[in-house]
Amino acid sequence: MDINNQETINFIKSAILFCRVIEQSADDTSKDFAKKLAGSLAGLYAATVDLPSYDEEDYDYIDLECKVTEAMYNSVIQIVSDKLGAHDDFLTVDHVDMQYSDTPIVAHVSEDIADIYQDIVDMTHRIQSADNAIMCAALKECVDHFHDFWGQCLTRSLGALHSYISAPDDEED
């Protein structure tokens, strides 16, 4: 499979931008961070759905190393939660736990972002190997996880961020 195409390059650029928004957010205000994060999520979503299919070859036999540790994952949750404050929490009916409830579930942007971050960082770390089979397997796994899991996390959090960004400034914490 040829991964040297514009769609894959755009996806990798979007993935790197998403990570940078989180990793370089120290000086951002809450609302500025939310705007940057929402923009990077929208770009990541668009770039992911634009990717070509990686199903034509089977890369399931390749054992892919994980880069993100539990400490890194928890750090992302803390960074996003600290930046968004009360705007980290939102109500949703689009959550795996909804099957056990008849009322909306409280979800957290920070947890959704950490889930996305984990897959994106693992993928970007793997493609640095420059081994075509590993790069293809990493992209395939990331896209599969997008369709199975984190794409829903992304759209859910993007909605919550939109509500915060669109709120009048007097409602900002």
N, C-alpha and C. Protein backbone atom coordinates (compact mmCIF):
# COMPACT_ATOMS: atom_id res chain seq x y z
N MET A 1 0.85 -1.18 0.00
CA MET A 1 0.00 0.00 0.00
C MET A 1 0.89 1.24 0.00
N ASP A 2 0.51 2.20 -0.81
CA ASP A 2 1.25 3.46 -0.87
C ASP A 2 0.63 4.44 0.12
N ILE A 3 1.40 4.83 1.10
CA ILE A 3 0.88 5.80 2.08
C ILE A 3 1.38 7.21 1.79
N ASN A 4 2.13 7.35 0.72
CA ASN A 4 2.64 8.67 0.33
C ASN A 4 1.62 9.36 -0.57
N ASN A 5 0.51 9.74 0.02
CA ASN A 5 -0.52 10.46 -0.72
C ASN A 5 -0.93 11.68 0.10
N GLN A 6 -1.57 12.62 -0.56
CA GLN A 6 -1.91 13.89 0.09
C GLN A 6 -2.85 13.69 1.27
N GLU A 7 -3.78 12.74 1.17
CA GLU A 7 -4.73 12.51 2.26
C GLU A 7 -4.03 12.04 3.53
N THR A 8 -3.08 11.13 3.37
CA THR A 8 -2.34 10.63 4.53
C THR A 8 -1.46 11.73 5.12
N ILE A 9 -0.83 12.50 4.27
CA ILE A 9 0.00 13.62 4.75
C ILE A 9 -0.86 14.62 5.51
N ASN A 10 -2.03 14.95 4.98
CA ASN A 10 -2.94 15.87 5.68
C ASN A 10 -3.39 15.31 7.02
N PHE A 11 -3.65 14.01 7.07
CA PHE A 11 -4.04 13.38 8.32
C PHE A 11 -2.93 13.49 9.36
N ILE A 12 -1.71 13.19 8.95
CA ILE A 12 -0.58 13.24 9.88
C ILE A 12 -0.35 14.68 10.36
N LYS A 13 -0.47 15.65 9.46
CA LYS A 13 -0.35 17.06 9.86
C LYS A 13 -1.43 17.43 10.88
N SER A 14 -2.66 16.99 10.63
CA SER A 14 -3.76 17.27 11.56
C SER A 14 -3.53 16.60 12.90
N ALA A 15 -3.00 15.39 12.87
CA ALA A 15 -2.71 14.67 14.11
C ALA A 15 -1.65 15.40 14.93
N ILE A 16 -0.62 15.87 14.27
CA ILE A 16 0.45 16.59 14.97
C ILE A 16 -0.07 17.91 15.54
N LEU A 17 -0.89 18.62 14.78
CA LEU A 17 -1.48 19.87 15.26
C LEU A 17 -2.34 19.62 16.50
N PHE A 18 -3.15 18.58 16.48
CA PHE A 18 -3.98 18.22 17.63
C PHE A 18 -3.11 18.02 18.87
N CYS A 19 -2.03 17.26 18.73
CA CYS A 19 -1.14 17.01 19.87
C CYS A 19 -0.49 18.30 20.36
N ARG A 20 -0.08 19.15 19.45
CA ARG A 20 0.56 20.42 19.83
C ARG A 20 -0.39 21.33 20.61
N VAL A 21 -1.65 21.35 20.21
CA VAL A 21 -2.63 22.19 20.92
C VAL A 21 -2.65 21.81 22.39
N ILE A 22 -2.62 20.52 22.67
CA ILE A 22 -2.65 20.05 24.06
C ILE A 22 -1.31 20.30 24.75
N GLU A 23 -0.24 19.92 24.08
CA GLU A 23 1.09 19.97 24.69
C GLU A 23 1.63 21.39 24.86
N GLN A 24 1.14 22.33 24.07
CA GLN A 24 1.65 23.70 24.13
C GLN A 24 0.57 24.68 24.57
N SER A 25 -0.25 24.27 25.51
CA SER A 25 -1.40 25.08 25.93
C SER A 25 -1.15 25.90 27.20
N ALA A 26 0.03 25.85 27.74
CA ALA A 26 0.30 26.46 29.05
C ALA A 26 -0.12 27.93 29.13
N ASP A 27 0.11 28.70 28.09
CA ASP A 27 -0.18 30.14 28.13
C ASP A 27 -1.56 30.51 27.59
N ASP A 28 -2.33 29.53 27.16
CA ASP A 28 -3.66 29.81 26.60
C ASP A 28 -4.69 30.05 27.69
N THR A 29 -5.59 30.99 27.43
CA THR A 29 -6.75 31.13 28.31
C THR A 29 -7.67 29.94 28.06
N SER A 30 -8.62 29.76 28.93
CA SER A 30 -9.56 28.65 28.77
C SER A 30 -10.28 28.71 27.43
N LYS A 31 -10.81 29.86 27.09
CA LYS A 31 -11.58 29.99 25.85
C LYS A 31 -10.68 29.86 24.63
N ASP A 32 -9.47 30.44 24.67
CA ASP A 32 -8.54 30.29 23.55
C ASP A 32 -8.16 28.82 23.36
N PHE A 33 -7.92 28.12 24.45
CA PHE A 33 -7.62 26.70 24.37
C PHE A 33 -8.78 25.95 23.75
N ALA A 34 -9.99 26.24 24.20
CA ALA A 34 -11.18 25.57 23.66
C ALA A 34 -11.31 25.82 22.16
N LYS A 35 -11.05 27.04 21.72
CA LYS A 35 -11.12 27.37 20.29
C LYS A 35 -10.07 26.60 19.49
N LYS A 36 -8.84 26.58 19.99
CA LYS A 36 -7.77 25.85 19.30
C LYS A 36 -8.07 24.35 19.27
N LEU A 37 -8.54 23.83 20.40
CA LEU A 37 -8.84 22.40 20.47
C LEU A 37 -9.98 22.05 19.53
N ALA A 38 -11.03 22.86 19.51
CA ALA A 38 -12.15 22.61 18.60
C ALA A 38 -11.70 22.64 17.14
N GLY A 39 -10.87 23.62 16.81
CA GLY A 39 -10.35 23.70 15.44
C GLY A 39 -9.52 22.49 15.06
N SER A 40 -8.68 22.05 15.99
CA SER A 40 -7.83 20.89 15.69
C SER A 40 -8.67 19.62 15.59
N LEU A 41 -9.71 19.50 16.41
CA LEU A 41 -10.60 18.34 16.33
C LEU A 41 -11.36 18.31 15.01
N ALA A 42 -11.85 19.46 14.59
CA ALA A 42 -12.57 19.53 13.31
C ALA A 42 -11.65 19.14 12.15
N GLY A 43 -10.42 19.66 12.19
CA GLY A 43 -9.46 19.31 11.15
C GLY A 43 -9.08 17.84 11.18
N LEU A 44 -8.92 17.30 12.37
CA LEU A 44 -8.58 15.88 12.51
C LEU A 44 -9.72 15.01 11.99
N TYR A 45 -10.94 15.38 12.30
CA TYR A 45 -12.09 14.61 11.82
C TYR A 45 -12.13 14.63 10.29
N ALA A 46 -12.02 15.82 9.71
CA ALA A 46 -12.07 15.95 8.25
C ALA A 46 -10.95 15.16 7.59
N ALA A 47 -9.76 15.23 8.14
CA ALA A 47 -8.62 14.52 7.56
C ALA A 47 -8.77 13.01 7.70
N THR A 48 -9.35 12.55 8.79
CA THR A 48 -9.51 11.11 9.01
C THR A 48 -10.54 10.52 8.06
N VAL A 49 -11.67 11.17 7.90
CA VAL A 49 -12.69 10.62 6.99
C VAL A 49 -12.26 10.71 5.54
N ASP A 50 -11.26 11.53 5.25
CA ASP A 50 -10.76 11.68 3.88
C ASP A 50 -9.69 10.64 3.53
N LEU A 51 -9.24 9.87 4.51
CA LEU A 51 -8.18 8.89 4.27
C LEU A 51 -8.67 7.76 3.36
N PRO A 52 -7.76 7.23 2.54
CA PRO A 52 -8.12 6.05 1.75
C PRO A 52 -8.28 4.84 2.66
N SER A 53 -8.92 3.82 2.15
CA SER A 53 -9.12 2.60 2.93
C SER A 53 -7.80 1.85 3.07
N TYR A 54 -7.57 1.34 4.26
CA TYR A 54 -6.37 0.52 4.51
C TYR A 54 -6.74 -0.94 4.68
N ASP A 55 -7.91 -1.32 4.20
CA ASP A 55 -8.40 -2.69 4.41
C ASP A 55 -7.88 -3.68 3.38
N GLU A 56 -7.26 -3.20 2.31
CA GLU A 56 -6.89 -4.14 1.25
C GLU A 56 -5.77 -5.10 1.66
N GLU A 57 -5.03 -4.77 2.68
CA GLU A 57 -3.97 -5.66 3.15
C GLU A 57 -4.16 -5.89 4.64
N ASP A 58 -3.73 -7.05 5.09
CA ASP A 58 -3.90 -7.40 6.49
C ASP A 58 -2.62 -7.09 7.26
N TYR A 59 -2.72 -6.15 8.19
CA TYR A 59 -1.57 -5.77 9.00
C TYR A 59 -1.76 -6.18 10.46
N ASP A 60 -2.75 -7.03 10.70
CA ASP A 60 -3.05 -7.43 12.08
C ASP A 60 -1.93 -8.26 12.71
N TYR A 61 -1.06 -8.83 11.90
CA TYR A 61 0.02 -9.66 12.42
C TYR A 61 1.15 -8.84 13.04
N ILE A 62 1.17 -7.56 12.79
CA ILE A 62 2.25 -6.70 13.28
C ILE A 62 1.94 -6.26 14.71
N ASP A 63 2.87 -6.52 15.61
CA ASP A 63 2.71 -6.11 17.00
C ASP A 63 3.18 -4.66 17.12
N LEU A 64 2.23 -3.78 17.40
CA LEU A 64 2.54 -2.35 17.46
C LEU A 64 2.80 -1.90 18.89
N GLU A 65 3.93 -1.26 19.07
CA GLU A 65 4.33 -0.74 20.38
C GLU A 65 3.51 0.49 20.74
N CYS A 66 3.11 0.56 22.01
CA CYS A 66 2.37 1.72 22.50
C CYS A 66 3.34 2.72 23.12
N LYS A 67 3.17 3.98 22.79
CA LYS A 67 4.03 5.04 23.30
C LYS A 67 3.43 5.70 24.54
N VAL A 68 2.10 5.86 24.54
CA VAL A 68 1.43 6.59 25.61
C VAL A 68 1.32 5.71 26.86
N THR A 69 1.88 6.22 27.94
CA THR A 69 1.80 5.52 29.23
C THR A 69 0.56 5.99 29.98
N GLU A 70 0.24 5.30 31.05
CA GLU A 70 -0.89 5.72 31.88
C GLU A 70 -0.64 7.11 32.46
N ALA A 71 0.60 7.39 32.82
CA ALA A 71 0.93 8.71 33.35
C ALA A 71 0.71 9.80 32.30
N MET A 72 1.09 9.54 31.06
CA MET A 72 0.86 10.51 29.98
C MET A 72 -0.63 10.72 29.76
N TYR A 73 -1.37 9.63 29.74
CA TYR A 73 -2.82 9.68 29.56
C TYR A 73 -3.46 10.54 30.65
N ASN A 74 -3.09 10.27 31.89
CA ASN A 74 -3.63 11.04 33.02
C ASN A 74 -3.20 12.49 32.98
N SER A 75 -2.00 12.75 32.48
CA SER A 75 -1.53 14.13 32.34
C SER A 75 -2.38 14.90 31.33
N VAL A 76 -2.76 14.26 30.24
CA VAL A 76 -3.62 14.92 29.25
C VAL A 76 -4.98 15.23 29.88
N ILE A 77 -5.53 14.29 30.61
CA ILE A 77 -6.80 14.54 31.30
C ILE A 77 -6.66 15.76 32.20
N GLN A 78 -5.59 15.83 32.96
CA GLN A 78 -5.38 16.94 33.89
C GLN A 78 -5.21 18.27 33.16
N ILE A 79 -4.43 18.27 32.09
CA ILE A 79 -4.21 19.51 31.32
C ILE A 79 -5.53 20.04 30.78
N VAL A 80 -6.30 19.17 30.14
CA VAL A 80 -7.56 19.61 29.52
C VAL A 80 -8.57 20.00 30.59
N SER A 81 -8.66 19.22 31.64
CA SER A 81 -9.59 19.52 32.73
C SER A 81 -9.25 20.85 33.39
N ASP A 82 -7.98 21.09 33.65
CA ASP A 82 -7.55 22.35 34.25
C ASP A 82 -7.86 23.54 33.34
N LYS A 83 -7.64 23.38 32.05
CA LYS A 83 -7.88 24.47 31.10
C LYS A 83 -9.37 24.79 30.97
N LEU A 84 -10.20 23.76 30.93
CA LEU A 84 -11.63 23.97 30.68
C LEU A 84 -12.43 24.22 31.95
N GLY A 85 -11.90 23.82 33.09
CA GLY A 85 -12.61 24.02 34.35
C GLY A 85 -13.99 23.38 34.32
N ALA A 86 -15.00 24.14 34.68
CA ALA A 86 -16.38 23.63 34.73
C ALA A 86 -16.89 23.24 33.34
N HIS A 87 -16.25 23.72 32.30
CA HIS A 87 -16.68 23.41 30.93
C HIS A 87 -16.16 22.06 30.45
N ASP A 88 -15.44 21.36 31.31
CA ASP A 88 -14.97 20.02 30.98
C ASP A 88 -16.14 19.03 31.00
N ASP A 89 -17.11 19.27 31.87
CA ASP A 89 -18.25 18.36 32.02
C ASP A 89 -19.37 18.74 31.07
N PHE A 90 -20.01 17.73 30.50
CA PHE A 90 -21.18 17.97 29.66
C PHE A 90 -22.10 16.76 29.73
N LEU A 91 -23.36 16.98 29.45
CA LEU A 91 -24.34 15.90 29.44
C LEU A 91 -24.45 15.33 28.04
N THR A 92 -24.57 14.01 27.97
CA THR A 92 -24.70 13.35 26.68
C THR A 92 -25.60 12.13 26.79
N VAL A 93 -26.27 11.83 25.72
CA VAL A 93 -27.00 10.56 25.63
C VAL A 93 -26.25 9.62 24.70
N ASP A 94 -25.13 10.10 24.18
CA ASP A 94 -24.32 9.34 23.23
C ASP A 94 -23.07 8.83 23.94
N HIS A 95 -23.27 7.89 24.83
CA HIS A 95 -22.17 7.36 25.64
C HIS A 95 -22.42 5.89 25.87
N VAL A 96 -21.36 5.12 25.96
CA VAL A 96 -21.48 3.67 26.14
C VAL A 96 -22.27 3.31 27.40
N ASP A 97 -22.18 4.13 28.45
CA ASP A 97 -22.90 3.85 29.69
C ASP A 97 -24.39 4.20 29.61
N MET A 98 -24.82 4.79 28.52
CA MET A 98 -26.23 5.20 28.38
C MET A 98 -27.16 3.99 28.42
N GLN A 99 -26.68 2.82 28.05
CA GLN A 99 -27.52 1.63 28.08
C GLN A 99 -27.98 1.28 29.50
N TYR A 100 -27.31 1.81 30.49
CA TYR A 100 -27.65 1.55 31.89
C TYR A 100 -28.42 2.69 32.53
N SER A 101 -28.81 3.69 31.75
CA SER A 101 -29.42 4.88 32.32
C SER A 101 -30.58 5.37 31.46
N ASP A 102 -31.53 6.00 32.12
CA ASP A 102 -32.62 6.62 31.36
C ASP A 102 -32.51 8.15 31.41
N THR A 103 -31.40 8.64 31.92
CA THR A 103 -31.13 10.08 31.94
C THR A 103 -29.76 10.31 31.30
N PRO A 104 -29.51 11.53 30.84
CA PRO A 104 -28.21 11.81 30.23
C PRO A 104 -27.04 11.50 31.18
N ILE A 105 -25.94 11.15 30.59
CA ILE A 105 -24.72 10.81 31.31
C ILE A 105 -23.81 12.04 31.36
N VAL A 106 -23.16 12.25 32.49
CA VAL A 106 -22.14 13.30 32.56
C VAL A 106 -20.86 12.73 31.95
N ALA A 107 -20.39 13.40 30.92
CA ALA A 107 -19.14 13.01 30.26
C ALA A 107 -18.14 14.14 30.44
N HIS A 108 -16.91 13.88 30.07
CA HIS A 108 -15.84 14.85 30.28
C HIS A 108 -15.03 15.01 28.99
N VAL A 109 -14.91 16.23 28.53
CA VAL A 109 -14.09 16.52 27.36
C VAL A 109 -12.68 15.97 27.58
N SER A 110 -12.15 16.15 28.77
CA SER A 110 -10.77 15.74 29.06
C SER A 110 -10.56 14.24 28.84
N GLU A 111 -11.52 13.42 29.22
CA GLU A 111 -11.38 11.98 29.03
C GLU A 111 -11.48 11.60 27.56
N ASP A 112 -12.40 12.24 26.84
CA ASP A 112 -12.50 11.99 25.40
C ASP A 112 -11.22 12.39 24.69
N ILE A 113 -10.68 13.55 25.06
CA ILE A 113 -9.46 14.04 24.42
C ILE A 113 -8.28 13.12 24.74
N ALA A 114 -8.20 12.63 25.96
CA ALA A 114 -7.12 11.70 26.32
C ALA A 114 -7.22 10.41 25.52
N ASP A 115 -8.43 9.93 25.28
CA ASP A 115 -8.61 8.72 24.47
C ASP A 115 -8.13 8.95 23.03
N ILE A 116 -8.49 10.09 22.47
CA ILE A 116 -8.05 10.42 21.11
C ILE A 116 -6.54 10.60 21.08
N TYR A 117 -6.02 11.35 22.04
CA TYR A 117 -4.58 11.64 22.12
C TYR A 117 -3.78 10.34 22.17
N GLN A 118 -4.24 9.39 22.94
CA GLN A 118 -3.52 8.12 23.08
C GLN A 118 -3.35 7.45 21.71
N ASP A 119 -4.41 7.34 20.95
CA ASP A 119 -4.32 6.71 19.64
C ASP A 119 -3.47 7.53 18.67
N ILE A 120 -3.63 8.83 18.71
CA ILE A 120 -2.91 9.70 17.77
C ILE A 120 -1.41 9.68 18.06
N VAL A 121 -1.02 9.79 19.32
CA VAL A 121 0.41 9.77 19.67
C VAL A 121 1.02 8.41 19.35
N ASP A 122 0.30 7.34 19.68
CA ASP A 122 0.82 6.01 19.34
C ASP A 122 1.04 5.89 17.83
N MET A 123 0.09 6.37 17.05
CA MET A 123 0.20 6.30 15.59
C MET A 123 1.39 7.14 15.09
N THR A 124 1.51 8.38 15.56
CA THR A 124 2.60 9.23 15.08
C THR A 124 3.97 8.67 15.49
N HIS A 125 4.03 8.08 16.66
CA HIS A 125 5.28 7.45 17.10
C HIS A 125 5.65 6.28 16.19
N ARG A 126 4.66 5.50 15.83
CA ARG A 126 4.91 4.31 14.99
C ARG A 126 5.33 4.68 13.58
N ILE A 127 4.75 5.74 13.02
CA ILE A 127 5.10 6.07 11.64
C ILE A 127 6.51 6.64 11.53
N GLN A 128 7.08 7.05 12.64
CA GLN A 128 8.46 7.54 12.63
C GLN A 128 9.45 6.42 12.35
N SER A 129 9.00 5.17 12.44
CA SER A 129 9.89 4.04 12.19
C SER A 129 10.36 3.99 10.74
N ALA A 130 9.58 4.59 9.84
CA ALA A 130 9.87 4.59 8.41
C ALA A 130 9.80 3.20 7.80
N ASP A 131 9.31 2.22 8.54
CA ASP A 131 9.07 0.88 8.00
C ASP A 131 7.66 0.88 7.42
N ASN A 132 7.55 0.61 6.12
CA ASN A 132 6.27 0.73 5.44
C ASN A 132 5.18 -0.13 6.08
N ALA A 133 5.50 -1.36 6.44
CA ALA A 133 4.50 -2.25 7.03
C ALA A 133 4.02 -1.71 8.38
N ILE A 134 4.94 -1.20 9.19
CA ILE A 134 4.56 -0.64 10.50
C ILE A 134 3.74 0.63 10.31
N MET A 135 4.15 1.48 9.38
CA MET A 135 3.39 2.71 9.13
C MET A 135 1.98 2.38 8.65
N CYS A 136 1.85 1.44 7.74
CA CYS A 136 0.52 1.05 7.25
C CYS A 136 -0.32 0.45 8.36
N ALA A 137 0.29 -0.41 9.16
CA ALA A 137 -0.44 -1.02 10.28
C ALA A 137 -0.89 0.04 11.28
N ALA A 138 -0.02 1.00 11.54
CA ALA A 138 -0.35 2.07 12.49
C ALA A 138 -1.50 2.93 11.98
N LEU A 139 -1.46 3.28 10.71
CA LEU A 139 -2.55 4.07 10.13
C LEU A 139 -3.85 3.28 10.12
N LYS A 140 -3.76 2.01 9.73
CA LYS A 140 -4.96 1.16 9.70
C LYS A 140 -5.57 1.05 11.09
N GLU A 141 -4.74 0.79 12.10
CA GLU A 141 -5.25 0.66 13.47
C GLU A 141 -5.90 1.97 13.94
N CYS A 142 -5.26 3.08 13.66
CA CYS A 142 -5.78 4.38 14.09
C CYS A 142 -7.13 4.66 13.42
N VAL A 143 -7.23 4.39 12.13
CA VAL A 143 -8.49 4.61 11.42
C VAL A 143 -9.57 3.65 11.91
N ASP A 144 -9.20 2.40 12.15
CA ASP A 144 -10.16 1.44 12.71
C ASP A 144 -10.68 1.92 14.06
N HIS A 145 -9.78 2.41 14.91
CA HIS A 145 -10.19 2.92 16.22
C HIS A 145 -11.06 4.17 16.09
N PHE A 146 -10.77 5.00 15.08
CA PHE A 146 -11.61 6.16 14.80
C PHE A 146 -13.05 5.72 14.54
N HIS A 147 -13.20 4.74 13.66
CA HIS A 147 -14.55 4.28 13.31
C HIS A 147 -15.23 3.55 14.46
N ASP A 148 -14.45 2.83 15.25
CA ASP A 148 -15.02 2.03 16.34
C ASP A 148 -15.20 2.79 17.64
N PHE A 149 -14.41 3.86 17.86
CA PHE A 149 -14.42 4.47 19.19
C PHE A 149 -14.20 5.98 19.20
N TRP A 150 -13.00 6.41 18.85
CA TRP A 150 -12.68 7.80 19.16
C TRP A 150 -13.31 8.82 18.22
N GLY A 151 -13.83 8.41 17.09
CA GLY A 151 -14.58 9.34 16.25
C GLY A 151 -15.80 9.86 16.98
N GLN A 152 -16.45 8.98 17.73
CA GLN A 152 -17.61 9.39 18.53
C GLN A 152 -17.17 10.28 19.69
N CYS A 153 -16.04 9.97 20.30
CA CYS A 153 -15.50 10.84 21.36
C CYS A 153 -15.23 12.23 20.80
N LEU A 154 -14.67 12.27 19.59
CA LEU A 154 -14.33 13.55 18.97
C LEU A 154 -15.58 14.38 18.72
N THR A 155 -16.60 13.80 18.11
CA THR A 155 -17.79 14.58 17.79
C THR A 155 -18.54 15.02 19.04
N ARG A 156 -18.54 14.16 20.04
CA ARG A 156 -19.20 14.49 21.31
C ARG A 156 -18.49 15.68 21.97
N SER A 157 -17.18 15.63 22.04
CA SER A 157 -16.42 16.72 22.67
C SER A 157 -16.45 17.99 21.84
N LEU A 158 -16.46 17.85 20.54
CA LEU A 158 -16.56 19.03 19.68
C LEU A 158 -17.86 19.77 19.94
N GLY A 159 -18.94 19.03 20.15
CA GLY A 159 -20.22 19.66 20.49
C GLY A 159 -20.15 20.41 21.81
N ALA A 160 -19.52 19.80 22.80
CA ALA A 160 -19.38 20.45 24.11
C ALA A 160 -18.51 21.70 24.00
N LEU A 161 -17.43 21.62 23.25
CA LEU A 161 -16.56 22.78 23.06
C LEU A 161 -17.28 23.89 22.30
N HIS A 162 -18.07 23.51 21.32
CA HIS A 162 -18.85 24.50 20.58
C HIS A 162 -19.79 25.27 21.51
N SER A 163 -20.46 24.55 22.40
CA SER A 163 -21.37 25.21 23.35
C SER A 163 -20.62 26.22 24.21
N TYR A 164 -19.43 25.85 24.67
CA TYR A 164 -18.62 26.74 25.49
C TYR A 164 -18.14 27.95 24.69
N ILE A 165 -17.60 27.70 23.50
CA ILE A 165 -17.06 28.78 22.67
C ILE A 165 -18.17 29.76 22.28
N SER A 166 -19.35 29.25 22.03
CA SER A 166 -20.47 30.08 21.56
C SER A 166 -21.20 30.81 22.67
N ALA A 167 -20.92 30.46 23.92
CA ALA A 167 -21.59 31.11 25.05
C ALA A 167 -21.12 32.55 25.17
N PRO A 168 -22.01 33.46 25.55
CA PRO A 168 -21.58 34.85 25.78
C PRO A 168 -20.46 34.90 26.81
N ASP A 169 -19.59 35.88 26.67
CA ASP A 169 -18.44 35.99 27.56
C ASP A 169 -18.81 36.11 29.03
N ASP A 170 -20.00 36.64 29.34
CA ASP A 170 -20.38 36.76 30.74
C ASP A 170 -20.68 35.40 31.37
N GLU A 171 -20.79 34.34 30.54
CA GLU A 171 -20.99 33.00 31.07
C GLU A 171 -19.67 32.26 31.22
N GLU A 172 -18.57 32.87 30.78
CA GLU A 172 -17.26 32.25 30.88
C GLU A 172 -16.78 32.28 32.32
N ASP A 173 -16.16 31.16 32.75
CA ASP A 173 -15.60 31.11 34.12
C ASP A 173 -14.26 31.78 34.17
